[in-house]
Amino acid sequence: MQYDFDLGTSLADTDYAAIGRGFGCFGIAVKQVEEIGGAVKAALESGLPAVIDCHTRFVPHPSMPMFGRMNRYGSQAPLPQS
């Protein structure tokens, strides 16, 4: 399901394992639950700080449509005066 706004920010295509490797860490991405055990073992055996990037499926919260209505005025809406 696609919504007409990003709540916070969208980082869907970010390769966190590559970012970790860029900082000298062990980095690996897993896409299936069966891969997690091997990834943890490899991370521990590396002797380095580790980033395990677990790709997950987005499951929207039931109130997501209400969050979308909160943005109907956009970011330029004036703040209420107190």
Protein backbone atom coordinates (compact mmCIF):
# COMPACT_ATOMS: atom_id res chain seq x y z
CA MET A 1 0.00 0.00 0.00
CA GLN A 2 1.34 3.42 -0.95
CA TYR A 3 0.58 6.54 1.05
CA ASP A 4 0.91 10.12 -0.20
CA PHE A 5 3.46 11.09 2.45
CA ASP A 6 6.57 9.87 4.26
CA LEU A 7 6.24 9.69 8.02
CA GLY A 8 9.63 10.98 9.15
CA THR A 9 11.77 9.91 6.24
CA SER A 10 12.13 7.05 3.79
CA LEU A 11 15.36 5.05 3.94
CA ALA A 12 14.11 1.99 2.07
CA ASP A 13 17.06 1.67 -0.33
CA THR A 14 19.84 2.37 2.18
CA ASP A 15 22.56 -0.33 2.32
CA TYR A 16 23.42 -0.29 6.01
CA ALA A 17 25.84 -3.22 5.66
CA ALA A 18 27.88 -1.21 3.13
CA ILE A 19 27.85 1.80 5.45
CA GLY A 20 29.19 -0.40 8.25
CA ARG A 21 31.93 -1.78 6.00
CA GLY A 22 32.82 1.79 5.06
CA PHE A 23 33.51 2.44 8.75
CA GLY A 24 35.68 -0.67 9.06
CA CYS A 25 33.00 -2.94 10.49
CA PHE A 26 31.84 -6.34 9.39
CA GLY A 27 28.70 -5.75 7.32
CA ILE A 28 26.21 -8.22 5.91
CA ALA A 29 22.63 -8.03 4.69
CA VAL A 30 20.05 -10.78 5.23
CA LYS A 31 16.77 -11.13 3.37
CA GLN A 32 15.45 -14.43 4.74
CA VAL A 33 14.99 -15.45 8.36
CA GLU A 34 17.06 -18.58 7.67
CA GLU A 35 20.11 -16.39 6.97
CA ILE A 36 20.19 -14.71 10.38
CA GLY A 37 22.03 -17.47 12.24
CA GLY A 38 24.84 -17.60 9.67
CA ALA A 39 25.11 -13.81 9.64
CA VAL A 40 25.41 -13.63 13.43
CA LYS A 41 28.05 -16.40 13.41
CA ALA A 42 30.07 -14.66 10.69
CA ALA A 43 29.80 -11.34 12.54
CA LEU A 44 31.06 -12.86 15.79
CA GLU A 45 33.88 -14.69 14.01
CA SER A 46 35.00 -11.50 12.29
CA GLY A 47 36.14 -9.98 15.59
CA LEU A 48 34.93 -6.58 14.37
CA PRO A 49 32.02 -4.37 15.31
CA ALA A 50 29.19 -5.58 13.08
CA VAL A 51 26.18 -4.34 11.16
CA ILE A 52 23.58 -6.93 10.22
CA ASP A 53 21.12 -5.27 7.85
CA CYS A 54 17.89 -7.27 8.15
CA HIS A 55 15.59 -6.53 5.25
CA THR A 56 12.01 -6.52 6.48
CA ARG A 57 8.57 -6.08 5.00
CA PHE A 58 6.74 -2.86 5.86
CA VAL A 59 3.46 -3.56 7.61
CA PRO A 60 1.55 -0.30 8.01
CA HIS A 61 0.00 0.55 11.34
CA PRO A 62 -3.82 0.60 11.12
CA SER A 63 -3.85 4.34 11.85
CA MET A 64 -1.55 5.27 8.93
CA PRO A 65 -4.40 6.95 6.98
CA MET A 66 -4.96 9.25 9.98
CA PHE A 67 -1.26 10.19 9.97
CA GLY A 68 -1.63 11.10 6.29
CA ARG A 69 -4.47 13.49 7.07
CA MET A 70 -2.22 15.25 9.59
CA ASN A 71 -0.06 16.36 6.64
CA ARG A 72 -2.91 17.77 4.54
CA TYR A 73 -1.70 21.32 5.05
CA GLY A 74 1.91 20.50 4.22
CA SER A 75 4.98 21.65 6.07
CA GLN A 76 4.22 25.32 5.43
CA ALA A 77 1.13 25.39 7.65
CA PRO A 78 1.33 28.07 10.34
CA LEU A 79 1.76 26.87 13.90
CA PRO A 80 -1.12 27.58 16.29
CA GLN A 81 -0.64 30.62 18.50
CA SER A 82 -0.61 29.94 22.22
